[in-house]
Amino acid sequence: MTRRAILRGIGHYLPARIVENAELEKRVDTSDEWIRARSGIERRHFAAEGELTSDLAIHAARAALADAGFEPAEIDAVVVATSTPDTTFPSVATIVQGALGTGGFAFDVQAVCAGFVYAMSTANAFIQAGQAQRVLVIGAETFSRIMNWEDRTTCVLFGDGAGAVVLEAGDGAGANTDAGILATDLNSDGRFRDLLYVDGGVSSTQTTGVLVMQGKEVFRHAVEKLAQTAETALAAAGLGADDVDWIVPHQANSRIITRTAQKMGVGMDRVVMTVQDHGNTSAASIPLALSVAKEQQLFKPGQVLVMEAIGGGLAWGSVVLRL
């Protein structure tokens, strides 16, 4: 028998304020047509004043727990992927733990837009090692707080939100027909750290800083690396592109999503796309997309999902999971 991390619940939360492209036209030198053509984004959500990343995470966590049918006390660990924590420390995860009343341990993972696949891989390792029975994995961001509103090429791309999943240990036969996480693949290359970063920090400037991105270079790396990591994880699971029922990609840019699917040989009818409604919510984008897809009843038991993401670092990776 093989110990597997099985997906038991999914939930999400979006701030009430919806920011359409037309609103941004009044704030920066841009247009709805320009934003849609380059990113596919039509709207995004911004957190309200005083609404913190942990607030978003707590809402999403409660939704995922309700979907799984678990009480907070039944959770052994909380792993939060975020690049926009409430404070330098403590972690958002411990704030969530305190609010919900979960047991065990809690910590944050920081891999920017790849954070959720890193957090899923980490939770999977804890479950496989027998160190946790149930893990709450959350991606939560308030990227609107680190935008450079003088840079029209980046400030229109990002939004706020949170998504969460509950993973539970279960026994499998050790075959790729098992339910649960079948394979993961994580990568990073610090030589490309200047392609996407925030120009502030505790040790460097003692300020929060704002996001800086070389969009064309990030695009080029994204398509190549996303297809590569998905294919690597599928191969590790003994599967191929034809076995994939759904790709649930990081929702950064519709052109990146389309090009990556083409490179993998997967039709867009098998790709979950929510970027038009959420923008790029960094570590929150994949669990948000998972939750929306579940609400739309796209998923069926036994289907194979591939989650893939790339973010600053550069850091990228993927998770292959059977429902």
C-alpha atoms as a PDB file:
ATOM      1  CA  MET A   1       0.000   0.000   0.000  1.00  0.00           C
ATOM      2  CA  THR A   2       1.079   3.573  -0.700  1.00  0.00           C
ATOM      3  CA  ARG A   3       0.170   6.541   1.459  1.00  0.00           C
ATOM      4  CA  ARG A   4      -1.461   9.233  -0.698  1.00  0.00           C
ATOM      5  CA  ALA A   5      -2.526  12.838  -0.086  1.00  0.00           C
ATOM      6  CA  ILE A   6      -6.162  12.862  -1.207  1.00  0.00           C
ATOM      7  CA  LEU A   7      -8.097  16.046  -2.000  1.00  0.00           C
ATOM      8  CA  ARG A   8     -11.096  16.255   0.333  1.00  0.00           C
ATOM      9  CA  GLY A   9     -12.259  19.858   0.155  1.00  0.00           C
ATOM     10  CA  ILE A  10     -11.877  23.071  -1.849  1.00  0.00           C
ATOM     11  CA  GLY A  11     -12.943  26.631  -1.066  1.00  0.00           C
ATOM     12  CA  HIS A  12     -12.183  30.227  -1.959  1.00  0.00           C
ATOM     13  CA  TYR A  13     -12.822  33.828  -1.041  1.00  0.00           C
ATOM     14  CA  LEU A  14     -12.773  37.008  -3.106  1.00  0.00           C
ATOM     15  CA  PRO A  15     -12.963  40.540  -1.687  1.00  0.00           C
ATOM     16  CA  ALA A  16     -16.251  42.322  -2.355  1.00  0.00           C
ATOM     17  CA  ARG A  17     -14.740  45.135  -4.419  1.00  0.00           C
ATOM     18  CA  ILE A  18     -14.610  44.320  -8.135  1.00  0.00           C
ATOM     19  CA  VAL A  19     -12.350  46.535 -10.246  1.00  0.00           C
ATOM     20  CA  GLU A  20     -13.254  46.515 -13.929  1.00  0.00           C
ATOM     21  CA  ASN A  21     -10.743  47.571 -16.572  1.00  0.00           C
ATOM     22  CA  ALA A  22     -12.801  50.712 -17.138  1.00  0.00           C
ATOM     23  CA  GLU A  23     -12.017  51.855 -13.597  1.00  0.00           C
ATOM     24  CA  LEU A  24      -8.282  51.486 -14.214  1.00  0.00           C
ATOM     25  CA  GLU A  25      -8.600  53.577 -17.372  1.00  0.00           C
ATOM     26  CA  LYS A  26      -9.321  56.518 -15.063  1.00  0.00           C
ATOM     27  CA  ARG A  27      -6.280  55.835 -12.883  1.00  0.00           C
ATOM     28  CA  VAL A  28      -3.487  55.012 -15.341  1.00  0.00           C
ATOM     29  CA  ASP A  29      -2.726  55.481 -19.029  1.00  0.00           C
ATOM     30  CA  THR A  30      -4.342  52.288 -20.285  1.00  0.00           C
ATOM     31  CA  SER A  31      -7.502  50.959 -21.922  1.00  0.00           C
ATOM     32  CA  ASP A  32      -9.808  48.005 -21.605  1.00  0.00           C
ATOM     33  CA  GLU A  33      -8.783  46.897 -25.096  1.00  0.00           C
ATOM     34  CA  TRP A  34      -5.047  47.078 -24.242  1.00  0.00           C
ATOM     35  CA  ILE A  35      -5.446  45.049 -21.038  1.00  0.00           C
ATOM     36  CA  ARG A  36      -7.630  42.378 -22.638  1.00  0.00           C
ATOM     37  CA  ALA A  37      -5.369  42.002 -25.672  1.00  0.00           C
ATOM     38  CA  ARG A  38      -2.221  41.495 -23.614  1.00  0.00           C
ATOM     39  CA  SER A  39      -3.560  39.521 -20.673  1.00  0.00           C
ATOM     40  CA  GLY A  40      -7.156  38.437 -21.171  1.00  0.00           C
ATOM     41  CA  ILE A  41      -8.056  40.173 -17.898  1.00  0.00           C
ATOM     42  CA  GLU A  42     -11.411  41.939 -17.699  1.00  0.00           C
ATOM     43  CA  ARG A  43     -11.725  42.535 -13.955  1.00  0.00           C
ATOM     44  CA  ARG A  44     -10.102  41.739 -10.626  1.00  0.00           C
ATOM     45  CA  HIS A  45     -10.915  42.012  -6.914  1.00  0.00           C
ATOM     46  CA  PHE A  46      -9.187  44.381  -4.484  1.00  0.00           C
ATOM     47  CA  ALA A  47      -9.191  43.927  -0.712  1.00  0.00           C
ATOM     48  CA  ALA A  48     -10.982  46.599   1.284  1.00  0.00           C
ATOM     49  CA  GLU A  49      -9.089  48.990   3.532  1.00  0.00           C
ATOM     50  CA  GLY A  50      -8.128  47.064   6.644  1.00  0.00           C
ATOM     51  CA  GLU A  51      -8.843  43.684   4.992  1.00  0.00           C
ATOM     52  CA  LEU A  52      -5.675  41.605   5.399  1.00  0.00           C
ATOM     53  CA  THR A  53      -4.212  38.611   3.616  1.00  0.00           C
ATOM     54  CA  SER A  54      -4.980  36.519   6.701  1.00  0.00           C
ATOM     55  CA  ASP A  55      -8.636  37.603   6.540  1.00  0.00           C
ATOM     56  CA  LEU A  56      -8.892  36.311   2.983  1.00  0.00           C
ATOM     57  CA  ALA A  57      -7.098  33.105   3.956  1.00  0.00           C
ATOM     58  CA  ILE A  58      -9.407  32.462   6.916  1.00  0.00           C
ATOM     59  CA  HIS A  59     -12.536  32.833   4.762  1.00  0.00           C
ATOM     60  CA  ALA A  60     -11.148  30.455   2.113  1.00  0.00           C
ATOM     61  CA  ALA A  61     -10.044  27.976   4.778  1.00  0.00           C
ATOM     62  CA  ARG A  62     -13.493  27.873   6.348  1.00  0.00           C
ATOM     63  CA  ALA A  63     -15.042  27.232   2.936  1.00  0.00           C
ATOM     64  CA  ALA A  64     -12.615  24.365   2.238  1.00  0.00           C
ATOM     65  CA  LEU A  65     -13.199  22.818   5.669  1.00  0.00           C
ATOM     66  CA  ALA A  66     -16.965  22.985   5.165  1.00  0.00           C
ATOM     67  CA  ASP A  67     -16.606  21.360   1.756  1.00  0.00           C
ATOM     68  CA  ALA A  68     -14.483  18.579   3.272  1.00  0.00           C
ATOM     69  CA  GLY A  69     -16.809  18.139   6.242  1.00  0.00           C
ATOM     70  CA  PHE A  70     -13.974  18.583   8.760  1.00  0.00           C
ATOM     71  CA  GLU A  71     -13.757  20.605  11.943  1.00  0.00           C
ATOM     72  CA  PRO A  72     -10.681  22.830  12.441  1.00  0.00           C
ATOM     73  CA  ALA A  73      -9.522  20.674  15.360  1.00  0.00           C
ATOM     74  CA  GLU A  74      -9.181  17.733  12.954  1.00  0.00           C
ATOM     75  CA  ILE A  75      -6.453  19.532  10.982  1.00  0.00           C
ATOM     76  CA  ASP A  76      -2.840  18.654  11.808  1.00  0.00           C
ATOM     77  CA  ALA A  77      -1.066  21.371   9.826  1.00  0.00           C
ATOM     78  CA  VAL A  78      -1.699  24.649   8.017  1.00  0.00           C
ATOM     79  CA  VAL A  79       0.530  25.680   5.121  1.00  0.00           C
ATOM     80  CA  VAL A  80      -0.064  29.102   3.582  1.00  0.00           C
ATOM     81  CA  ALA A  81       1.518  30.207   0.312  1.00  0.00           C
ATOM     82  CA  THR A  82       1.818  33.997   0.168  1.00  0.00           C
ATOM     83  CA  SER A  83       4.165  36.803  -0.824  1.00  0.00           C
ATOM     84  CA  THR A  84       2.023  39.477   0.817  1.00  0.00           C
ATOM     85  CA  PRO A  85       1.873  38.552   4.522  1.00  0.00           C
ATOM     86  CA  ASP A  86       0.162  40.759   7.089  1.00  0.00           C
ATOM     87  CA  THR A  87       3.439  41.333   8.913  1.00  0.00           C
ATOM     88  CA  THR A  88       7.079  40.332   8.627  1.00  0.00           C
ATOM     89  CA  PHE A  89       6.273  37.805  11.329  1.00  0.00           C
ATOM     90  CA  PRO A  90       4.429  35.894  12.626  1.00  0.00           C
ATOM     91  CA  SER A  91       3.356  33.901   9.577  1.00  0.00           C
ATOM     92  CA  VAL A  92      -0.066  34.185   8.030  1.00  0.00           C
ATOM     93  CA  ALA A  93      -0.448  30.453   8.707  1.00  0.00           C
ATOM     94  CA  THR A  94      -0.172  30.910  12.458  1.00  0.00           C
ATOM     95  CA  ILE A  95      -2.718  33.741  12.316  1.00  0.00           C
ATOM     96  CA  VAL A  96      -5.069  31.408  10.446  1.00  0.00           C
ATOM     97  CA  GLN A  97      -4.356  28.647  12.963  1.00  0.00           C
ATOM     98  CA  GLY A  98      -5.200  30.951  15.851  1.00  0.00           C
ATOM     99  CA  ALA A  99      -8.421  32.171  14.253  1.00  0.00           C
ATOM    100  CA  LEU A 100      -9.674  28.713  13.303  1.00  0.00           C
ATOM    101  CA  GLY A 101      -8.405  26.748  16.265  1.00  0.00           C
ATOM    102  CA  THR A 102      -6.539  24.088  14.322  1.00  0.00           C
ATOM    103  CA  GLY A 103      -3.971  21.920  16.048  1.00  0.00           C
ATOM    104  CA  GLY A 104      -0.498  20.774  15.028  1.00  0.00           C
ATOM    105  CA  PHE A 105       1.799  23.251  13.307  1.00  0.00           C
ATOM    106  CA  ALA A 106       1.544  26.112  10.826  1.00  0.00           C
ATOM    107  CA  PHE A 107       3.958  27.968   8.550  1.00  0.00           C
ATOM    108  CA  ASP A 108       4.166  30.016   5.344  1.00  0.00           C
ATOM    109  CA  VAL A 109       5.756  29.119   2.009  1.00  0.00           C
ATOM    110  CA  GLN A 110       7.119  31.903  -0.202  1.00  0.00           C
ATOM    111  CA  ALA A 111       7.577  31.038  -3.860  1.00  0.00           C
ATOM    112  CA  VAL A 112       5.495  33.912  -5.270  1.00  0.00           C
ATOM    113  CA  CYS A 113       3.131  32.690  -8.017  1.00  0.00           C
ATOM    114  CA  ALA A 114       4.477  29.141  -7.703  1.00  0.00           C
ATOM    115  CA  GLY A 115       3.733  29.201  -3.979  1.00  0.00           C
ATOM    116  CA  PHE A 116       0.640  27.012  -4.079  1.00  0.00           C
ATOM    117  CA  VAL A 117       2.300  24.130  -5.945  1.00  0.00           C
ATOM    118  CA  TYR A 118       5.237  24.411  -3.529  1.00  0.00           C
ATOM    119  CA  ALA A 119       2.810  24.324  -0.590  1.00  0.00           C
ATOM    120  CA  MET A 120       0.936  21.343  -2.055  1.00  0.00           C
ATOM    121  CA  SER A 121       4.200  19.485  -2.569  1.00  0.00           C
ATOM    122  CA  THR A 122       5.246  20.262   0.994  1.00  0.00           C
ATOM    123  CA  ALA A 123       1.932  19.079   2.412  1.00  0.00           C
ATOM    124  CA  ASN A 124       2.173  15.934   0.307  1.00  0.00           C
ATOM    125  CA  ALA A 125       5.613  15.202   1.767  1.00  0.00           C
ATOM    126  CA  PHE A 126       4.331  15.582   5.339  1.00  0.00           C
ATOM    127  CA  ILE A 127       1.456  13.225   4.627  1.00  0.00           C
ATOM    128  CA  GLN A 128       3.623  10.639   2.881  1.00  0.00           C
ATOM    129  CA  ALA A 129       6.096  10.749   5.778  1.00  0.00           C
ATOM    130  CA  GLY A 130       3.303  10.132   8.274  1.00  0.00           C
ATOM    131  CA  GLN A 131       3.855  13.465  10.016  1.00  0.00           C
ATOM    132  CA  ALA A 132       0.340  14.711   9.290  1.00  0.00           C
ATOM    133  CA  GLN A 133      -3.003  13.101   8.575  1.00  0.00           C
ATOM    134  CA  ARG A 134      -4.867  16.184   7.362  1.00  0.00           C
ATOM    135  CA  VAL A 135      -3.309  19.381   6.006  1.00  0.00           C
ATOM    136  CA  LEU A 136      -5.009  22.665   5.164  1.00  0.00           C
ATOM    137  CA  VAL A 137      -3.193  24.280   2.206  1.00  0.00           C
ATOM    138  CA  ILE A 138      -3.995  27.901   1.391  1.00  0.00           C
ATOM    139  CA  GLY A 139      -2.902  30.408  -1.236  1.00  0.00           C
ATOM    140  CA  ALA A 140      -3.732  33.992  -0.249  1.00  0.00           C
ATOM    141  CA  GLU A 141      -2.579  37.353  -1.595  1.00  0.00           C
ATOM    142  CA  THR A 142      -3.219  41.090  -1.481  1.00  0.00           C
ATOM    143  CA  PHE A 143      -1.047  42.055  -4.443  1.00  0.00           C
ATOM    144  CA  SER A 144      -2.935  45.325  -4.885  1.00  0.00           C
ATOM    145  CA  ARG A 145      -0.849  46.595  -1.955  1.00  0.00           C
ATOM    146  CA  ILE A 146       2.497  46.199  -3.791  1.00  0.00           C
ATOM    147  CA  MET A 147       1.582  47.637  -7.194  1.00  0.00           C
ATOM    148  CA  ASN A 148       3.516  50.458  -8.823  1.00  0.00           C
ATOM    149  CA  TRP A 149       0.679  52.642 -10.038  1.00  0.00           C
ATOM    150  CA  GLU A 150       3.102  54.532 -12.284  1.00  0.00           C
ATOM    151  CA  ASP A 151       3.798  51.351 -14.291  1.00  0.00           C
ATOM    152  CA  ARG A 152       0.785  50.650 -16.486  1.00  0.00           C
ATOM    153  CA  THR A 153       2.285  47.406 -17.787  1.00  0.00           C
ATOM    154  CA  THR A 154       2.120  45.685 -14.386  1.00  0.00           C
ATOM    155  CA  CYS A 155      -0.425  47.423 -12.144  1.00  0.00           C
ATOM    156  CA  VAL A 156      -3.371  46.323 -14.302  1.00  0.00           C
ATOM    157  CA  LEU A 157      -2.478  42.630 -14.113  1.00  0.00           C
ATOM    158  CA  PHE A 158      -2.889  41.701 -10.460  1.00  0.00           C
ATOM    159  CA  GLY A 159      -5.701  41.154  -8.001  1.00  0.00           C
ATOM    160  CA  ASP A 160      -6.441  39.880  -4.503  1.00  0.00           C
ATOM    161  CA  GLY A 161      -8.023  36.659  -3.326  1.00  0.00           C
ATOM    162  CA  ALA A 162      -7.560  33.347  -1.557  1.00  0.00           C
ATOM    163  CA  GLY A 163      -8.176  29.677  -2.211  1.00  0.00           C
ATOM    164  CA  ALA A 164      -7.745  26.647   0.008  1.00  0.00           C
ATOM    165  CA  VAL A 165      -7.779  22.862  -0.121  1.00  0.00           C
ATOM    166  CA  VAL A 166      -7.872  20.128   2.487  1.00  0.00           C
ATOM    167  CA  LEU A 167      -5.628  17.104   1.911  1.00  0.00           C
ATOM    168  CA  GLU A 168      -6.095  13.881   3.866  1.00  0.00           C
ATOM    169  CA  ALA A 169      -3.929  10.781   4.047  1.00  0.00           C
ATOM    170  CA  GLY A 170      -5.353   7.692   2.410  1.00  0.00           C
ATOM    171  CA  ASP A 171      -4.101   4.326   1.227  1.00  0.00           C
ATOM    172  CA  GLY A 172      -3.489   3.626  -2.427  1.00  0.00           C
ATOM    173  CA  ALA A 173      -2.226   0.641  -4.359  1.00  0.00           C
ATOM    174  CA  GLY A 174       0.848   2.509  -5.542  1.00  0.00           C
ATOM    175  CA  ALA A 175      -0.536   2.800  -9.080  1.00  0.00           C
ATOM    176  CA  ASN A 176      -1.391   5.908 -11.094  1.00  0.00           C
ATOM    177  CA  THR A 177      -5.043   4.905 -10.811  1.00  0.00           C
ATOM    178  CA  ASP A 178      -4.941   5.865  -7.113  1.00  0.00           C
ATOM    179  CA  ALA A 179      -6.822   8.921  -5.904  1.00  0.00           C
ATOM    180  CA  GLY A 180      -4.616  11.708  -4.562  1.00  0.00           C
ATOM    181  CA  ILE A 181      -1.352  13.381  -5.482  1.00  0.00           C
ATOM    182  CA  LEU A 182       0.496  11.129  -7.929  1.00  0.00           C
ATOM    183  CA  ALA A 183       3.614  13.239  -8.571  1.00  0.00           C
ATOM    184  CA  THR A 184       5.120  16.674  -8.022  1.00  0.00           C
ATOM    185  CA  ASP A 185       7.953  18.601  -9.663  1.00  0.00           C
ATOM    186  CA  LEU A 186       9.637  21.695  -8.199  1.00  0.00           C
ATOM    187  CA  ASN A 187      12.312  23.907  -9.754  1.00  0.00           C
ATOM    188  CA  SER A 188      14.010  27.259  -9.288  1.00  0.00           C
ATOM    189  CA  ASP A 189      16.806  29.256 -10.897  1.00  0.00           C
ATOM    190  CA  GLY A 190      18.047  32.319  -9.022  1.00  0.00           C
ATOM    191  CA  ARG A 191      19.966  33.587 -12.041  1.00  0.00           C
ATOM    192  CA  PHE A 192      16.658  35.007 -13.256  1.00  0.00           C
ATOM    193  CA  ARG A 193      15.651  36.697 -10.004  1.00  0.00           C
ATOM    194  CA  ASP A 194      15.768  40.171 -11.570  1.00  0.00           C
ATOM    195  CA  LEU A 195      13.020  39.333 -14.079  1.00  0.00           C
ATOM    196  CA  LEU A 196      10.305  39.547 -11.435  1.00  0.00           C
ATOM    197  CA  TYR A 197      10.820  40.978  -7.961  1.00  0.00           C
ATOM    198  CA  VAL A 198       9.729  43.541  -5.378  1.00  0.00           C
ATOM    199  CA  ASP A 199      12.206  46.392  -4.896  1.00  0.00           C
ATOM    200  CA  GLY A 200      11.964  46.538  -1.105  1.00  0.00           C
ATOM    201  CA  GLY A 201      12.402  44.414   1.964  1.00  0.00           C
ATOM    202  CA  VAL A 202      13.319  44.236   5.629  1.00  0.00           C
ATOM    203  CA  SER A 203      17.040  43.726   5.160  1.00  0.00           C
ATOM    204  CA  SER A 204      17.534  45.880   2.050  1.00  0.00           C
ATOM    205  CA  THR A 205      15.384  49.006   2.261  1.00  0.00           C
ATOM    206  CA  GLN A 206      13.191  48.576   5.370  1.00  0.00           C
ATOM    207  CA  THR A 207      10.219  49.302   3.090  1.00  0.00           C
ATOM    208  CA  THR A 208       7.618  47.116   1.430  1.00  0.00           C
ATOM    209  CA  GLY A 209       8.595  48.087  -2.112  1.00  0.00           C
ATOM    210  CA  VAL A 210       6.632  47.602  -5.326  1.00  0.00           C
ATOM    211  CA  LEU A 211       6.537  44.921  -7.989  1.00  0.00           C
ATOM    212  CA  VAL A 212       8.974  45.116 -10.907  1.00  0.00           C
ATOM    213  CA  MET A 213       8.633  42.798 -13.908  1.00  0.00           C
ATOM    214  CA  GLN A 214      10.296  42.293 -17.275  1.00  0.00           C
ATOM    215  CA  GLY A 215       7.129  41.044 -18.923  1.00  0.00           C
ATOM    216  CA  LYS A 216       8.493  39.778 -22.238  1.00  0.00           C
ATOM    217  CA  GLU A 217      11.243  37.756 -20.583  1.00  0.00           C
ATOM    218  CA  VAL A 218       8.890  36.312 -17.993  1.00  0.00           C
ATOM    219  CA  PHE A 219       6.511  35.295 -20.799  1.00  0.00           C
ATOM    220  CA  ARG A 220       9.283  33.517 -22.675  1.00  0.00           C
ATOM    221  CA  HIS A 221      10.428  31.568 -19.632  1.00  0.00           C
ATOM    222  CA  ALA A 222       6.867  30.824 -18.517  1.00  0.00           C
ATOM    223  CA  VAL A 223       5.713  28.940 -21.608  1.00  0.00           C
ATOM    224  CA  GLU A 224       8.839  26.810 -21.813  1.00  0.00           C
ATOM    225  CA  LYS A 225       9.129  26.033 -18.110  1.00  0.00           C
ATOM    226  CA  LEU A 226       5.433  25.409 -17.453  1.00  0.00           C
ATOM    227  CA  ALA A 227       5.187  22.839 -20.232  1.00  0.00           C
ATOM    228  CA  GLN A 228       8.432  21.219 -19.084  1.00  0.00           C
ATOM    229  CA  THR A 229       7.434  20.879 -15.436  1.00  0.00           C
ATOM    230  CA  ALA A 230       3.991  19.494 -16.302  1.00  0.00           C
ATOM    231  CA  GLU A 231       5.503  16.898 -18.627  1.00  0.00           C
ATOM    232  CA  THR A 232       8.105  15.943 -16.011  1.00  0.00           C
ATOM    233  CA  ALA A 233       5.490  15.419 -13.309  1.00  0.00           C
ATOM    234  CA  LEU A 234       3.230  13.471 -15.667  1.00  0.00           C
ATOM    235  CA  ALA A 235       6.129  11.214 -16.644  1.00  0.00           C
ATOM    236  CA  ALA A 236       6.910  10.625 -12.958  1.00  0.00           C
ATOM    237  CA  ALA A 237       3.293   9.533 -12.518  1.00  0.00           C
ATOM    238  CA  GLY A 238       3.491   7.258 -15.545  1.00  0.00           C
ATOM    239  CA  LEU A 239       1.023   9.421 -17.459  1.00  0.00           C
ATOM    240  CA  GLY A 240       1.013  11.558 -20.593  1.00  0.00           C
ATOM    241  CA  ALA A 241      -0.866  14.519 -22.022  1.00  0.00           C
ATOM    242  CA  ASP A 242      -3.650  12.271 -23.321  1.00  0.00           C
ATOM    243  CA  ASP A 243      -4.359  11.171 -19.740  1.00  0.00           C
ATOM    244  CA  VAL A 244      -4.962  14.736 -18.523  1.00  0.00           C
ATOM    245  CA  ASP A 245      -8.587  15.670 -17.969  1.00  0.00           C
ATOM    246  CA  TRP A 246      -7.925  19.212 -16.745  1.00  0.00           C
ATOM    247  CA  ILE A 247      -4.985  21.587 -16.623  1.00  0.00           C
ATOM    248  CA  VAL A 248      -5.462  24.057 -13.771  1.00  0.00           C
ATOM    249  CA  PRO A 249      -2.701  26.581 -14.456  1.00  0.00           C
ATOM    250  CA  HIS A 250      -1.494  29.641 -12.624  1.00  0.00           C
ATOM    251  CA  GLN A 251      -3.773  32.378 -13.890  1.00  0.00           C
ATOM    252  CA  ALA A 252      -1.241  34.994 -14.936  1.00  0.00           C
ATOM    253  CA  ASN A 253      -2.033  35.701 -18.553  1.00  0.00           C
ATOM    254  CA  SER A 254      -4.393  34.093 -21.060  1.00  0.00           C
ATOM    255  CA  ARG A 255      -1.699  34.032 -23.746  1.00  0.00           C
ATOM    256  CA  ILE A 256       0.704  32.129 -21.476  1.00  0.00           C
ATOM    257  CA  ILE A 257      -2.048  29.650 -20.587  1.00  0.00           C
ATOM    258  CA  THR A 258      -2.981  29.105 -24.244  1.00  0.00           C
ATOM    259  CA  ARG A 259       0.598  28.759 -25.468  1.00  0.00           C
ATOM    260  CA  THR A 260       1.485  26.321 -22.684  1.00  0.00           C
ATOM    261  CA  ALA A 261      -1.524  24.127 -23.471  1.00  0.00           C
ATOM    262  CA  GLN A 262      -0.572  24.144 -27.149  1.00  0.00           C
ATOM    263  CA  LYS A 263       3.002  23.181 -26.313  1.00  0.00           C
ATOM    264  CA  MET A 264       1.695  20.253 -24.251  1.00  0.00           C
ATOM    265  CA  GLY A 265      -0.769  19.206 -26.935  1.00  0.00           C
ATOM    266  CA  VAL A 266      -3.798  19.747 -24.696  1.00  0.00           C
ATOM    267  CA  GLY A 267      -6.930  21.437 -26.053  1.00  0.00           C
ATOM    268  CA  MET A 268      -8.271  24.549 -24.372  1.00  0.00           C
ATOM    269  CA  ASP A 269     -11.490  22.653 -23.668  1.00  0.00           C
ATOM    270  CA  ARG A 270      -9.454  20.862 -20.987  1.00  0.00           C
ATOM    271  CA  VAL A 271      -8.010  24.026 -19.398  1.00  0.00           C
ATOM    272  CA  VAL A 272      -9.579  25.866 -16.457  1.00  0.00           C
ATOM    273  CA  MET A 273      -9.426  29.617 -17.126  1.00  0.00           C
ATOM    274  CA  THR A 274     -10.413  32.248 -14.552  1.00  0.00           C
ATOM    275  CA  VAL A 275      -7.847  34.976 -15.254  1.00  0.00           C
ATOM    276  CA  GLN A 276     -10.507  37.097 -16.969  1.00  0.00           C
ATOM    277  CA  ASP A 277     -12.385  37.508 -13.688  1.00  0.00           C
ATOM    278  CA  HIS A 278      -9.592  37.467 -11.082  1.00  0.00           C
ATOM    279  CA  GLY A 279      -6.451  38.797 -12.747  1.00  0.00           C
ATOM    280  CA  ASN A 280      -3.166  37.405 -11.478  1.00  0.00           C
ATOM    281  CA  THR A 281      -3.672  36.550  -7.813  1.00  0.00           C
ATOM    282  CA  SER A 282      -0.231  34.942  -7.498  1.00  0.00           C
ATOM    283  CA  ALA A 283      -0.245  32.011  -5.042  1.00  0.00           C
ATOM    284  CA  ALA A 284      -4.036  32.216  -4.766  1.00  0.00           C
ATOM    285  CA  SER A 285      -4.736  31.723  -8.462  1.00  0.00           C
ATOM    286  CA  ILE A 286      -4.659  27.922  -8.701  1.00  0.00           C
ATOM    287  CA  PRO A 287      -6.817  27.181  -5.648  1.00  0.00           C
ATOM    288  CA  LEU A 288      -9.211  29.930  -6.765  1.00  0.00           C
ATOM    289  CA  ALA A 289      -9.461  28.270 -10.172  1.00  0.00           C
ATOM    290  CA  LEU A 290      -9.930  24.847  -8.552  1.00  0.00           C
ATOM    291  CA  SER A 291     -12.777  26.160  -6.417  1.00  0.00           C
ATOM    292  CA  VAL A 292     -14.531  27.943  -9.278  1.00  0.00           C
ATOM    293  CA  ALA A 293     -14.240  24.849 -11.471  1.00  0.00           C
ATOM    294  CA  LYS A 294     -15.740  22.715  -8.727  1.00  0.00           C
ATOM    295  CA  GLU A 295     -18.626  25.165  -8.329  1.00  0.00           C
ATOM    296  CA  GLN A 296     -19.211  24.883 -12.083  1.00  0.00           C
ATOM    297  CA  GLN A 297     -19.253  21.080 -11.682  1.00  0.00           C
ATOM    298  CA  LEU A 298     -16.440  20.595 -14.170  1.00  0.00           C
ATOM    299  CA  PHE A 299     -14.676  17.926 -12.127  1.00  0.00           C
ATOM    300  CA  LYS A 300     -15.613  14.249 -11.823  1.00  0.00           C
ATOM    301  CA  PRO A 301     -14.183  11.532  -9.561  1.00  0.00           C
ATOM    302  CA  GLY A 302     -11.213   9.758 -11.108  1.00  0.00           C
ATOM    303  CA  GLN A 303     -10.181  12.652 -13.339  1.00  0.00           C
ATOM    304  CA  VAL A 304      -6.525  13.687 -13.594  1.00  0.00           C
ATOM    305  CA  LEU A 305      -5.635  17.324 -12.833  1.00  0.00           C
ATOM    306  CA  VAL A 306      -2.323  19.030 -13.584  1.00  0.00           C
ATOM    307  CA  MET A 307      -1.581  22.190 -11.624  1.00  0.00           C
ATOM    308  CA  GLU A 308       1.362  24.249 -12.898  1.00  0.00           C
ATOM    309  CA  ALA A 309       2.784  27.630 -11.949  1.00  0.00           C
ATOM    310  CA  ILE A 310       5.797  29.906 -12.316  1.00  0.00           C
ATOM    311  CA  GLY A 311       6.725  32.956 -10.268  1.00  0.00           C
ATOM    312  CA  GLY A 312       9.538  35.200  -9.125  1.00  0.00           C
ATOM    313  CA  GLY A 313      12.796  33.534  -8.261  1.00  0.00           C
ATOM    314  CA  LEU A 314      12.356  32.204 -10.848  1.00  0.00           C
ATOM    315  CA  ALA A 315      10.479  29.356  -9.181  1.00  0.00           C
ATOM    316  CA  TRP A 316       8.200  26.934 -10.984  1.00  0.00           C
ATOM    317  CA  GLY A 317       6.603  23.554 -10.518  1.00  0.00           C
ATOM    318  CA  SER A 318       3.610  21.284 -10.964  1.00  0.00           C
ATOM    319  CA  VAL A 319       1.384  18.790  -9.188  1.00  0.00           C
ATOM    320  CA  VAL A 320      -0.419  15.834 -10.770  1.00  0.00           C
ATOM    321  CA  LEU A 321      -3.484  14.779  -8.811  1.00  0.00           C
ATOM    322  CA  ARG A 322      -6.276  12.290  -9.412  1.00  0.00           C
ATOM    323  CA  LEU A 323      -9.648  13.208  -7.938  1.00  0.00           C
END
